[in-house]
Amino acid sequence: MNNTILEVIEFGDEPEDIFYCLVDTTVSPDGLDVSSLKLSDPRNFDQVLKENGCLMMFTGDEIESLISRGDVDRDQIHESLVRLAAAEGIIRKN
């Protein structure tokens, strides 16, 4: 968890307009540069996110679903996503 941050990017007020990104700070110490991401080719957007250290990304709707299933704690979203990423083999938990 020491090498990650949770970045919340909002493009609107609806849950589907809010994105929760678990970011590897060894790749992007200051988090994602949203302004440069907007300039990316949409066909390669997933690859650009990955290259910029995005480990996982969920919409607000997806986060709510994970919370209702008990996979994510609303009060500890960052920690919960780190646990989920470790369980899925995306990262090794420290």
Protein backbone atom coordinates (compact mmCIF):
# COMPACT_ATOMS: atom_id res chain seq x y z
CA MET A 1 0.00 0.00 0.00
CA ASN A 2 2.98 2.29 0.51
CA ASN A 3 3.56 2.38 -3.24
CA THR A 4 -0.01 3.17 -4.25
CA ILE A 5 -2.46 6.02 -4.07
CA LEU A 6 -6.17 6.14 -4.75
CA GLU A 7 -7.02 8.79 -7.25
CA VAL A 8 -10.65 9.81 -7.76
CA ILE A 9 -11.31 11.46 -11.11
CA GLU A 10 -14.68 13.12 -11.62
CA PHE A 11 -16.04 14.04 -15.04
CA GLY A 12 -19.57 14.67 -13.76
CA ASP A 13 -21.88 14.12 -10.82
CA GLU A 14 -23.26 10.70 -11.73
CA PRO A 15 -21.61 7.51 -10.37
CA GLU A 16 -20.68 6.43 -13.91
CA ASP A 17 -18.80 9.74 -14.31
CA ILE A 18 -16.55 9.10 -11.31
CA PHE A 19 -13.49 6.87 -11.65
CA TYR A 20 -11.51 5.33 -8.81
CA CYS A 21 -7.96 4.56 -9.91
CA LEU A 22 -5.40 2.63 -7.88
CA VAL A 23 -2.09 4.10 -9.05
CA ASP A 24 1.45 2.75 -8.63
CA THR A 25 3.48 5.66 -7.26
CA THR A 26 6.76 4.10 -8.36
CA VAL A 27 5.56 4.72 -11.94
CA SER A 28 3.65 7.99 -11.35
CA PRO A 29 4.76 9.55 -8.04
CA ASP A 30 2.33 12.45 -8.40
CA GLY A 31 -0.57 10.33 -9.65
CA LEU A 32 -2.17 10.35 -13.05
CA ASP A 33 -1.85 13.41 -15.26
CA VAL A 34 -5.48 13.74 -16.31
CA SER A 35 -4.81 16.55 -18.78
CA SER A 36 -2.34 14.41 -20.74
CA LEU A 37 -4.66 11.38 -20.55
CA LYS A 38 -7.37 13.42 -22.27
CA LEU A 39 -5.03 13.81 -25.27
CA SER A 40 -4.50 10.06 -25.60
CA ASP A 41 -5.81 8.06 -28.53
CA PRO A 42 -9.03 6.42 -27.25
CA ARG A 43 -8.09 3.20 -29.03
CA ASN A 44 -5.00 2.89 -26.82
CA PHE A 45 -6.46 4.37 -23.62
CA ASP A 46 -6.10 1.19 -21.53
CA GLN A 47 -2.45 0.89 -22.52
CA VAL A 48 -1.81 4.57 -21.71
CA LEU A 49 -3.38 4.10 -18.27
CA LYS A 50 -1.20 1.05 -17.65
CA GLU A 51 1.95 2.88 -18.78
CA ASN A 52 1.09 5.68 -16.36
CA GLY A 53 0.84 3.33 -13.40
CA CYS A 54 -2.90 2.69 -13.22
CA LEU A 55 -3.24 -0.74 -11.64
CA MET A 56 -7.03 -0.87 -11.37
CA MET A 57 -9.85 1.45 -12.36
CA PHE A 58 -13.50 1.29 -11.36
CA THR A 59 -16.47 3.55 -11.99
CA GLY A 60 -18.55 4.80 -9.09
CA ASP A 61 -21.21 2.22 -10.01
CA GLU A 62 -18.63 -0.58 -9.87
CA ILE A 63 -17.33 0.64 -6.50
CA GLU A 64 -20.89 0.68 -5.13
CA SER A 65 -21.35 -2.88 -6.37
CA LEU A 66 -18.09 -3.98 -4.71
CA ILE A 67 -19.20 -2.27 -1.48
CA SER A 68 -22.60 -3.97 -1.53
CA ARG A 69 -20.91 -7.37 -2.07
CA GLY A 70 -18.59 -6.69 0.87
CA ASP A 71 -15.42 -6.66 -1.24
CA VAL A 72 -14.73 -2.98 -0.53
CA ASP A 73 -15.17 -0.98 2.68
CA ARG A 74 -16.70 2.45 1.99
CA ASP A 75 -14.58 4.02 4.76
CA GLN A 76 -11.35 2.43 3.53
CA ILE A 77 -11.63 2.28 -0.25
CA HIS A 78 -7.88 2.62 -0.85
CA GLU A 79 -6.98 -0.16 1.57
CA SER A 80 -9.77 -2.35 0.22
CA LEU A 81 -8.61 -1.92 -3.37
CA VAL A 82 -5.05 -2.76 -2.36
CA ARG A 83 -6.33 -5.98 -0.75
CA LEU A 84 -8.38 -6.74 -3.85
CA ALA A 85 -5.41 -6.09 -6.15
CA ALA A 86 -3.25 -8.39 -4.01
CA ALA A 87 -5.92 -11.11 -4.02
CA GLU A 88 -6.13 -10.86 -7.82
CA GLY A 89 -2.33 -11.08 -8.16
CA ILE A 90 -1.99 -7.54 -9.55
CA ILE A 91 0.33 -6.46 -6.76
CA ARG A 92 2.18 -8.02 -3.86
CA LYS A 93 0.95 -6.72 -0.55
CA ASN A 94 3.70 -5.29 1.69
